[in-house]
Amino acid sequence: MTSLPPWAVDPGSLTLTEAQYDGLPDHARELIEVIDGNVIFCPGGEPEHSDVTRRLAIRLDAARPAQPCMRVSTGVDVHFVKRRRSDGTLSFRRPDISVYRCTEDDRLFARDALMVVEVVTSASGYTDTVDKLAEYAYEGIPLYLLVFLGGDPYLKMIQEYRLDWPSRTYRLTLTHMDELILKDPFPARIAFGELGN
């Protein structure tokens, strides 16, 4: 007889409180995101995903002005505020790249995020283009970039979504094909060739 996985017997084993999450070792925390207390396992990235994420973050950080104080980080939990229920249920996502205001908080909250970036892979396509598109907009993050792999050498295109504040939904405003040109949160001009070599 085949034994059942723990979650089949105890569905609560796939939920986490904030205290439980904080108690996990780093290697376990890196494998998951949490929405409404429910654990979501995140597949590991492909080498191209890692390369493009790292190179784009480096170039964004280089373009970042000294003032006002902002940070560019990779793999940092963005804790949701509006989605947080009255019982304090944990919800966060971990964008590939986050650009955010400097704060005194030891956590990054969505209210401080100015831009988030997801590098879309075959494993993350639906989550990045549907779930996170809605979640980040609902949390009020002004700018969302979706980076699509598959070009030569790596990048196919980058879609730029801007928040429509009254509806709290994103609107596709630009599709960058050879070069990313940003006006905010700070000016940046990054050729796709710089991200794939």
C-alpha atoms as a PDB file:
ATOM      1  CA  MET A   1       0.000   0.000   0.000  1.00  0.00           C
ATOM      2  CA  THR A   2       1.297   3.435  -0.920  1.00  0.00           C
ATOM      3  CA  SER A   3       1.534   5.916   1.918  1.00  0.00           C
ATOM      4  CA  LEU A   4      -0.145   9.245   1.426  1.00  0.00           C
ATOM      5  CA  PRO A   5       1.814  12.491   1.429  1.00  0.00           C
ATOM      6  CA  PRO A   6       1.412  14.473   4.658  1.00  0.00           C
ATOM      7  CA  TRP A   7      -0.839  17.127   3.058  1.00  0.00           C
ATOM      8  CA  ALA A   8      -3.358  14.474   1.930  1.00  0.00           C
ATOM      9  CA  VAL A   9      -3.921  13.486   5.544  1.00  0.00           C
ATOM     10  CA  ASP A  10      -3.482  16.964   7.034  1.00  0.00           C
ATOM     11  CA  PRO A  11      -4.194  19.838   4.586  1.00  0.00           C
ATOM     12  CA  GLY A  12      -3.068  22.233   7.311  1.00  0.00           C
ATOM     13  CA  SER A  13       0.485  21.012   6.733  1.00  0.00           C
ATOM     14  CA  LEU A  14       0.556  23.244   3.628  1.00  0.00           C
ATOM     15  CA  THR A  15      -0.260  26.416   5.549  1.00  0.00           C
ATOM     16  CA  LEU A  16       2.094  28.719   7.430  1.00  0.00           C
ATOM     17  CA  THR A  17       1.754  31.537   9.883  1.00  0.00           C
ATOM     18  CA  GLU A  18       4.226  34.394   9.851  1.00  0.00           C
ATOM     19  CA  ALA A  19       5.921  33.020  12.960  1.00  0.00           C
ATOM     20  CA  GLN A  20       6.270  29.577  11.380  1.00  0.00           C
ATOM     21  CA  TYR A  21       7.712  31.086   8.213  1.00  0.00           C
ATOM     22  CA  ASP A  22      10.190  33.168  10.215  1.00  0.00           C
ATOM     23  CA  GLY A  23      11.306  29.970  11.968  1.00  0.00           C
ATOM     24  CA  LEU A  24      12.149  28.135   8.749  1.00  0.00           C
ATOM     25  CA  PRO A  25      15.783  27.785   7.717  1.00  0.00           C
ATOM     26  CA  ASP A  26      16.821  29.960   4.764  1.00  0.00           C
ATOM     27  CA  HIS A  27      17.110  27.031   2.331  1.00  0.00           C
ATOM     28  CA  ALA A  28      13.447  26.101   2.995  1.00  0.00           C
ATOM     29  CA  ARG A  29      12.220  29.706   2.781  1.00  0.00           C
ATOM     30  CA  GLU A  30      13.824  30.106  -0.654  1.00  0.00           C
ATOM     31  CA  LEU A  31      11.619  27.325  -2.052  1.00  0.00           C
ATOM     32  CA  ILE A  32       8.235  28.880  -1.285  1.00  0.00           C
ATOM     33  CA  GLU A  33       5.938  31.871  -1.472  1.00  0.00           C
ATOM     34  CA  VAL A  34       2.813  32.206   0.675  1.00  0.00           C
ATOM     35  CA  ILE A  35      -0.623  33.532  -0.295  1.00  0.00           C
ATOM     36  CA  ASP A  36      -3.371  33.720   2.338  1.00  0.00           C
ATOM     37  CA  GLY A  37      -1.293  31.405   4.522  1.00  0.00           C
ATOM     38  CA  ASN A  38      -1.091  28.735   1.811  1.00  0.00           C
ATOM     39  CA  VAL A  39       2.330  27.493   0.772  1.00  0.00           C
ATOM     40  CA  ILE A  40       3.154  27.773  -2.922  1.00  0.00           C
ATOM     41  CA  PHE A  41       6.228  25.889  -4.066  1.00  0.00           C
ATOM     42  CA  CYS A  42       8.407  27.810  -6.519  1.00  0.00           C
ATOM     43  CA  PRO A  43      10.382  25.869  -9.108  1.00  0.00           C
ATOM     44  CA  GLY A  44      14.070  26.608  -9.467  1.00  0.00           C
ATOM     45  CA  GLY A  45      15.108  28.849 -12.319  1.00  0.00           C
ATOM     46  CA  GLU A  46      16.938  27.915 -15.478  1.00  0.00           C
ATOM     47  CA  PRO A  47      20.485  29.259 -16.005  1.00  0.00           C
ATOM     48  CA  GLU A  48      19.192  31.845 -18.504  1.00  0.00           C
ATOM     49  CA  HIS A  49      16.666  33.066 -15.925  1.00  0.00           C
ATOM     50  CA  SER A  50      19.388  33.509 -13.334  1.00  0.00           C
ATOM     51  CA  ASP A  51      21.755  35.227 -15.788  1.00  0.00           C
ATOM     52  CA  VAL A  52      19.169  37.737 -17.056  1.00  0.00           C
ATOM     53  CA  THR A  53      17.888  38.483 -13.531  1.00  0.00           C
ATOM     54  CA  ARG A  54      21.376  39.143 -12.189  1.00  0.00           C
ATOM     55  CA  ARG A  55      22.487  41.261 -15.157  1.00  0.00           C
ATOM     56  CA  LEU A  56      19.288  43.325 -15.224  1.00  0.00           C
ATOM     57  CA  ALA A  57      19.481  43.973 -11.460  1.00  0.00           C
ATOM     58  CA  ILE A  58      23.113  45.104 -11.769  1.00  0.00           C
ATOM     59  CA  ARG A  59      22.247  47.533 -14.562  1.00  0.00           C
ATOM     60  CA  LEU A  60      19.203  48.888 -12.758  1.00  0.00           C
ATOM     61  CA  ASP A  61      21.273  49.399  -9.626  1.00  0.00           C
ATOM     62  CA  ALA A  62      23.911  51.255 -11.644  1.00  0.00           C
ATOM     63  CA  ALA A  63      21.216  53.578 -13.059  1.00  0.00           C
ATOM     64  CA  ARG A  64      19.664  54.243  -9.631  1.00  0.00           C
ATOM     65  CA  PRO A  65      20.254  57.812  -8.401  1.00  0.00           C
ATOM     66  CA  ALA A  66      21.785  58.503  -4.996  1.00  0.00           C
ATOM     67  CA  GLN A  67      18.682  60.451  -3.946  1.00  0.00           C
ATOM     68  CA  PRO A  68      15.944  59.785  -3.161  1.00  0.00           C
ATOM     69  CA  CYS A  69      17.144  56.679  -1.398  1.00  0.00           C
ATOM     70  CA  MET A  70      16.074  53.513  -3.269  1.00  0.00           C
ATOM     71  CA  ARG A  71      17.291  49.933  -3.349  1.00  0.00           C
ATOM     72  CA  VAL A  72      17.428  47.319  -6.094  1.00  0.00           C
ATOM     73  CA  SER A  73      17.314  43.763  -4.747  1.00  0.00           C
ATOM     74  CA  THR A  74      16.848  40.242  -6.050  1.00  0.00           C
ATOM     75  CA  GLY A  75      14.930  37.475  -4.318  1.00  0.00           C
ATOM     76  CA  VAL A  76      13.479  39.602  -1.492  1.00  0.00           C
ATOM     77  CA  ASP A  77      10.040  38.830  -0.032  1.00  0.00           C
ATOM     78  CA  VAL A  78       7.473  41.555  -0.779  1.00  0.00           C
ATOM     79  CA  HIS A  79       4.908  41.332   2.020  1.00  0.00           C
ATOM     80  CA  PHE A  80       1.366  42.166   0.995  1.00  0.00           C
ATOM     81  CA  VAL A  81      -0.523  44.705   3.085  1.00  0.00           C
ATOM     82  CA  LYS A  82      -3.933  45.049   1.435  1.00  0.00           C
ATOM     83  CA  ARG A  83      -4.355  41.305   1.064  1.00  0.00           C
ATOM     84  CA  ARG A  84      -3.520  40.729   4.729  1.00  0.00           C
ATOM     85  CA  ARG A  85      -6.648  39.582   6.511  1.00  0.00           C
ATOM     86  CA  SER A  86      -7.715  40.742   9.947  1.00  0.00           C
ATOM     87  CA  ASP A  87      -6.388  37.485  11.411  1.00  0.00           C
ATOM     88  CA  GLY A  88      -2.898  38.429  10.174  1.00  0.00           C
ATOM     89  CA  THR A  89      -2.681  35.638   7.598  1.00  0.00           C
ATOM     90  CA  LEU A  90       0.654  35.805   5.793  1.00  0.00           C
ATOM     91  CA  SER A  91       0.823  36.719   2.087  1.00  0.00           C
ATOM     92  CA  PHE A  92       3.970  37.532   0.142  1.00  0.00           C
ATOM     93  CA  ARG A  93       5.628  37.003  -3.213  1.00  0.00           C
ATOM     94  CA  ARG A  94       9.311  37.050  -4.061  1.00  0.00           C
ATOM     95  CA  PRO A  95       9.824  38.961  -7.315  1.00  0.00           C
ATOM     96  CA  ASP A  96      12.990  38.304  -9.268  1.00  0.00           C
ATOM     97  CA  ILE A  97      13.881  42.001  -8.876  1.00  0.00           C
ATOM     98  CA  SER A  98      12.386  44.649  -6.591  1.00  0.00           C
ATOM     99  CA  VAL A  99      13.030  48.400  -6.682  1.00  0.00           C
ATOM    100  CA  TYR A 100      11.841  50.069  -3.500  1.00  0.00           C
ATOM    101  CA  ARG A 101      12.107  53.046  -1.186  1.00  0.00           C
ATOM    102  CA  CYS A 102      14.627  52.804   1.622  1.00  0.00           C
ATOM    103  CA  THR A 103      12.835  52.268   4.930  1.00  0.00           C
ATOM    104  CA  GLU A 104      13.614  51.436   8.531  1.00  0.00           C
ATOM    105  CA  ASP A 105      11.505  48.245   8.312  1.00  0.00           C
ATOM    106  CA  ASP A 106      13.290  44.922   8.430  1.00  0.00           C
ATOM    107  CA  ARG A 107      10.800  43.621   5.825  1.00  0.00           C
ATOM    108  CA  LEU A 108       9.863  44.916   2.411  1.00  0.00           C
ATOM    109  CA  PHE A 109       6.187  45.803   2.268  1.00  0.00           C
ATOM    110  CA  ALA A 110       4.327  46.254  -1.012  1.00  0.00           C
ATOM    111  CA  ARG A 111       3.552  49.884  -0.131  1.00  0.00           C
ATOM    112  CA  ASP A 112       7.286  50.661  -0.457  1.00  0.00           C
ATOM    113  CA  ALA A 113       7.825  48.832  -3.757  1.00  0.00           C
ATOM    114  CA  LEU A 114       8.156  51.139  -6.771  1.00  0.00           C
ATOM    115  CA  MET A 115       8.723  48.444  -9.387  1.00  0.00           C
ATOM    116  CA  VAL A 116       8.837  44.652  -9.464  1.00  0.00           C
ATOM    117  CA  VAL A 117      10.256  42.478 -12.226  1.00  0.00           C
ATOM    118  CA  GLU A 118       9.557  38.849 -13.059  1.00  0.00           C
ATOM    119  CA  VAL A 119      11.607  36.893 -15.590  1.00  0.00           C
ATOM    120  CA  VAL A 120       9.093  34.534 -17.179  1.00  0.00           C
ATOM    121  CA  THR A 121      10.013  30.884 -17.713  1.00  0.00           C
ATOM    122  CA  SER A 122       7.989  27.926 -18.927  1.00  0.00           C
ATOM    123  CA  ALA A 123       7.433  26.918 -15.300  1.00  0.00           C
ATOM    124  CA  SER A 124       6.388  30.385 -14.080  1.00  0.00           C
ATOM    125  CA  GLY A 125       4.435  31.689 -17.073  1.00  0.00           C
ATOM    126  CA  TYR A 126       0.895  31.511 -15.724  1.00  0.00           C
ATOM    127  CA  THR A 127       1.845  32.666 -12.239  1.00  0.00           C
ATOM    128  CA  ASP A 128       3.851  35.643 -13.523  1.00  0.00           C
ATOM    129  CA  THR A 129       1.417  36.762 -16.242  1.00  0.00           C
ATOM    130  CA  VAL A 130      -1.896  36.174 -14.450  1.00  0.00           C
ATOM    131  CA  ASP A 131      -1.637  35.669 -10.668  1.00  0.00           C
ATOM    132  CA  LYS A 132       1.168  38.106  -9.898  1.00  0.00           C
ATOM    133  CA  LEU A 133      -0.135  40.622 -12.423  1.00  0.00           C
ATOM    134  CA  ALA A 134      -3.347  40.837 -10.388  1.00  0.00           C
ATOM    135  CA  GLU A 135      -1.710  40.577  -6.948  1.00  0.00           C
ATOM    136  CA  TYR A 136       0.936  43.268  -7.469  1.00  0.00           C
ATOM    137  CA  ALA A 137      -1.676  45.630  -8.949  1.00  0.00           C
ATOM    138  CA  TYR A 138      -4.050  45.057  -6.038  1.00  0.00           C
ATOM    139  CA  GLU A 139      -1.208  45.893  -3.644  1.00  0.00           C
ATOM    140  CA  GLY A 140      -0.623  49.190  -5.484  1.00  0.00           C
ATOM    141  CA  ILE A 141       2.861  48.587  -6.906  1.00  0.00           C
ATOM    142  CA  PRO A 142       3.123  51.269  -9.620  1.00  0.00           C
ATOM    143  CA  LEU A 143       5.230  49.422 -12.207  1.00  0.00           C
ATOM    144  CA  TYR A 144       5.531  45.757 -13.205  1.00  0.00           C
ATOM    145  CA  LEU A 145       7.959  44.443 -15.812  1.00  0.00           C
ATOM    146  CA  LEU A 146       7.584  41.018 -17.389  1.00  0.00           C
ATOM    147  CA  VAL A 147      10.786  39.818 -19.034  1.00  0.00           C
ATOM    148  CA  PHE A 148      10.261  37.092 -21.639  1.00  0.00           C
ATOM    149  CA  LEU A 149      13.125  34.785 -22.499  1.00  0.00           C
ATOM    150  CA  GLY A 150      13.555  33.139 -25.860  1.00  0.00           C
ATOM    151  CA  GLY A 151      15.369  35.665 -28.002  1.00  0.00           C
ATOM    152  CA  ASP A 152      18.905  35.675 -29.290  1.00  0.00           C
ATOM    153  CA  PRO A 153      20.786  35.262 -27.093  1.00  0.00           C
ATOM    154  CA  TYR A 154      18.233  35.292 -24.246  1.00  0.00           C
ATOM    155  CA  LEU A 155      15.628  38.055 -24.366  1.00  0.00           C
ATOM    156  CA  LYS A 156      12.572  38.143 -26.565  1.00  0.00           C
ATOM    157  CA  MET A 157      10.780  41.183 -25.084  1.00  0.00           C
ATOM    158  CA  ILE A 158       9.959  43.096 -21.903  1.00  0.00           C
ATOM    159  CA  GLN A 159       6.382  44.141 -21.232  1.00  0.00           C
ATOM    160  CA  GLU A 160       5.899  47.258 -19.125  1.00  0.00           C
ATOM    161  CA  TYR A 161       2.707  47.431 -17.068  1.00  0.00           C
ATOM    162  CA  ARG A 162       1.643  50.582 -15.240  1.00  0.00           C
ATOM    163  CA  LEU A 163      -0.913  50.731 -12.483  1.00  0.00           C
ATOM    164  CA  ASP A 164      -4.317  52.237 -13.194  1.00  0.00           C
ATOM    165  CA  TRP A 165      -4.943  53.526  -9.681  1.00  0.00           C
ATOM    166  CA  PRO A 166      -8.773  53.792  -9.730  1.00  0.00           C
ATOM    167  CA  SER A 167      -9.253  50.187 -10.864  1.00  0.00           C
ATOM    168  CA  ARG A 168      -6.118  48.769  -9.203  1.00  0.00           C
ATOM    169  CA  THR A 169      -5.286  46.870 -12.357  1.00  0.00           C
ATOM    170  CA  TYR A 170      -2.293  47.042 -14.653  1.00  0.00           C
ATOM    171  CA  ARG A 171      -2.387  48.388 -18.185  1.00  0.00           C
ATOM    172  CA  LEU A 172       0.197  47.275 -20.720  1.00  0.00           C
ATOM    173  CA  THR A 173       1.858  50.543 -21.702  1.00  0.00           C
ATOM    174  CA  LEU A 174       4.934  49.446 -23.671  1.00  0.00           C
ATOM    175  CA  THR A 175       6.508  46.378 -25.172  1.00  0.00           C
ATOM    176  CA  HIS A 176      10.289  46.764 -25.331  1.00  0.00           C
ATOM    177  CA  MET A 177      11.848  44.706 -28.134  1.00  0.00           C
ATOM    178  CA  ASP A 178      15.580  45.531 -28.283  1.00  0.00           C
ATOM    179  CA  GLU A 179      16.138  47.907 -25.415  1.00  0.00           C
ATOM    180  CA  LEU A 180      14.525  48.689 -22.071  1.00  0.00           C
ATOM    181  CA  ILE A 181      13.950  52.427 -21.686  1.00  0.00           C
ATOM    182  CA  LEU A 182      12.498  53.506 -18.343  1.00  0.00           C
ATOM    183  CA  LYS A 183      11.460  56.958 -17.188  1.00  0.00           C
ATOM    184  CA  ASP A 184      10.661  55.934 -13.633  1.00  0.00           C
ATOM    185  CA  PRO A 185      11.174  54.986 -10.870  1.00  0.00           C
ATOM    186  CA  PHE A 186      14.382  56.452 -12.379  1.00  0.00           C
ATOM    187  CA  PRO A 187      15.685  56.875 -15.922  1.00  0.00           C
ATOM    188  CA  ALA A 188      17.404  53.797 -17.317  1.00  0.00           C
ATOM    189  CA  ARG A 189      18.396  52.606 -20.776  1.00  0.00           C
ATOM    190  CA  ILE A 190      19.497  48.971 -21.066  1.00  0.00           C
ATOM    191  CA  ALA A 191      20.120  47.193 -24.361  1.00  0.00           C
ATOM    192  CA  PHE A 192      18.966  43.583 -24.458  1.00  0.00           C
ATOM    193  CA  GLY A 193      22.424  42.580 -25.674  1.00  0.00           C
ATOM    194  CA  GLU A 194      23.833  43.673 -22.284  1.00  0.00           C
ATOM    195  CA  LEU A 195      21.606  41.143 -20.526  1.00  0.00           C
ATOM    196  CA  GLY A 196      22.357  38.041 -22.543  1.00  0.00           C
ATOM    197  CA  ASN A 197      26.113  38.020 -22.989  1.00  0.00           C
END
